[in-house]
């Protein structure tokens, strides 16, 4: 029973990964989405530039420089 469930699970995970890969390959200019907060356009629109700023409460310096942790 366990082996049957394991085999079915592996097949479904393989199909899901194949579908994701095909979606990226077939989409014009397809590439993985940007996941780093600092380079993500949508996060910049929200005013979030660095996840470390949010986590540590870092405030950019007045001279235009960011804190030393980023």
C-alpha atoms as a PDB file:
ATOM      1  CA  UNK A   1       0.000   0.000   0.000  1.00  0.00           C
ATOM      2  CA  UNK A   2       2.817   2.409   0.900  1.00  0.00           C
ATOM      3  CA  UNK A   3       4.731   1.787  -2.319  1.00  0.00           C
ATOM      4  CA  UNK A   4       1.607   2.351  -4.384  1.00  0.00           C
ATOM      5  CA  UNK A   5       0.967   5.678  -2.644  1.00  0.00           C
ATOM      6  CA  UNK A   6       4.617   6.675  -3.042  1.00  0.00           C
ATOM      7  CA  UNK A   7       4.565   5.885  -6.764  1.00  0.00           C
ATOM      8  CA  UNK A   8       1.378   7.887  -7.310  1.00  0.00           C
ATOM      9  CA  UNK A   9       2.834  10.830  -5.369  1.00  0.00           C
ATOM     10  CA  UNK A  10       6.041  10.769  -7.414  1.00  0.00           C
ATOM     11  CA  UNK A  11       4.040  10.745 -10.651  1.00  0.00           C
ATOM     12  CA  UNK A  12       1.947  13.744  -9.566  1.00  0.00           C
ATOM     13  CA  UNK A  13       4.983  15.737  -8.426  1.00  0.00           C
ATOM     14  CA  UNK A  14       6.735  14.921 -11.713  1.00  0.00           C
ATOM     15  CA  UNK A  15       3.721  16.099 -13.707  1.00  0.00           C
ATOM     16  CA  UNK A  16       3.534  19.322 -11.722  1.00  0.00           C
ATOM     17  CA  UNK A  17       7.239  20.081 -12.235  1.00  0.00           C
ATOM     18  CA  UNK A  18       6.975  19.249 -15.934  1.00  0.00           C
ATOM     19  CA  UNK A  19       4.012  21.593 -16.278  1.00  0.00           C
ATOM     20  CA  UNK A  20       5.889  24.428 -14.587  1.00  0.00           C
ATOM     21  CA  UNK A  21       8.923  23.866 -16.788  1.00  0.00           C
ATOM     22  CA  UNK A  22       6.876  23.764 -19.974  1.00  0.00           C
ATOM     23  CA  UNK A  23       5.067  26.935 -18.969  1.00  0.00           C
ATOM     24  CA  UNK A  24       8.378  28.757 -18.662  1.00  0.00           C
ATOM     25  CA  UNK A  25       9.790  27.289 -21.875  1.00  0.00           C
ATOM     26  CA  UNK A  26       6.732  28.047 -24.001  1.00  0.00           C
ATOM     27  CA  UNK A  27       6.042  31.556 -22.699  1.00  0.00           C
ATOM     28  CA  UNK A  28       7.607  34.288 -24.871  1.00  0.00           C
ATOM     29  CA  UNK A  29      10.572  35.625 -22.916  1.00  0.00           C
ATOM     30  CA  UNK A  30       9.759  33.088 -20.244  1.00  0.00           C
ATOM     31  CA  UNK A  31      11.969  33.028 -17.194  1.00  0.00           C
ATOM     32  CA  UNK A  32      11.590  32.356 -13.522  1.00  0.00           C
ATOM     33  CA  UNK A  33      10.029  35.239 -11.610  1.00  0.00           C
ATOM     34  CA  UNK A  34      12.384  37.442  -9.626  1.00  0.00           C
ATOM     35  CA  UNK A  35      12.124  36.438  -5.990  1.00  0.00           C
ATOM     36  CA  UNK A  36      14.693  38.738  -4.397  1.00  0.00           C
ATOM     37  CA  UNK A  37      12.831  41.578  -2.726  1.00  0.00           C
ATOM     38  CA  UNK A  38      15.275  44.274  -3.833  1.00  0.00           C
ATOM     39  CA  UNK A  39      14.885  43.464  -7.528  1.00  0.00           C
ATOM     40  CA  UNK A  40      11.136  42.758  -7.556  1.00  0.00           C
ATOM     41  CA  UNK A  41       9.128  45.534  -9.263  1.00  0.00           C
ATOM     42  CA  UNK A  42       5.955  44.854  -7.305  1.00  0.00           C
ATOM     43  CA  UNK A  43       7.763  45.044  -3.958  1.00  0.00           C
ATOM     44  CA  UNK A  44       9.413  48.326  -4.964  1.00  0.00           C
ATOM     45  CA  UNK A  45       5.966  49.734  -5.787  1.00  0.00           C
ATOM     46  CA  UNK A  46       4.970  48.947  -2.197  1.00  0.00           C
ATOM     47  CA  UNK A  47       8.060  50.751  -0.904  1.00  0.00           C
ATOM     48  CA  UNK A  48       9.829  47.592   0.277  1.00  0.00           C
ATOM     49  CA  UNK A  49      13.432  47.650  -0.911  1.00  0.00           C
ATOM     50  CA  UNK A  50      15.150  45.142   1.342  1.00  0.00           C
ATOM     51  CA  UNK A  51      13.711  42.449   3.575  1.00  0.00           C
ATOM     52  CA  UNK A  52      16.468  43.106   6.084  1.00  0.00           C
ATOM     53  CA  UNK A  53      15.139  46.650   6.517  1.00  0.00           C
ATOM     54  CA  UNK A  54      11.749  45.306   7.472  1.00  0.00           C
ATOM     55  CA  UNK A  55      13.153  42.573   9.725  1.00  0.00           C
ATOM     56  CA  UNK A  56      15.675  44.718  11.603  1.00  0.00           C
ATOM     57  CA  UNK A  57      13.845  48.043  11.542  1.00  0.00           C
ATOM     58  CA  UNK A  58      16.707  49.623   9.605  1.00  0.00           C
ATOM     59  CA  UNK A  59      16.122  53.174   8.432  1.00  0.00           C
ATOM     60  CA  UNK A  60      18.195  54.559   5.528  1.00  0.00           C
ATOM     61  CA  UNK A  61      20.725  57.214   6.479  1.00  0.00           C
ATOM     62  CA  UNK A  62      20.044  60.842   5.597  1.00  0.00           C
ATOM     63  CA  UNK A  63      22.914  60.989   3.104  1.00  0.00           C
ATOM     64  CA  UNK A  64      21.201  58.583   0.695  1.00  0.00           C
ATOM     65  CA  UNK A  65      23.087  55.491   1.870  1.00  0.00           C
ATOM     66  CA  UNK A  66      21.371  52.422   3.185  1.00  0.00           C
ATOM     67  CA  UNK A  67      22.221  50.704   6.418  1.00  0.00           C
ATOM     68  CA  UNK A  68      25.294  48.504   6.563  1.00  0.00           C
ATOM     69  CA  UNK A  69      23.311  45.250   6.745  1.00  0.00           C
ATOM     70  CA  UNK A  70      22.203  45.431   3.085  1.00  0.00           C
END
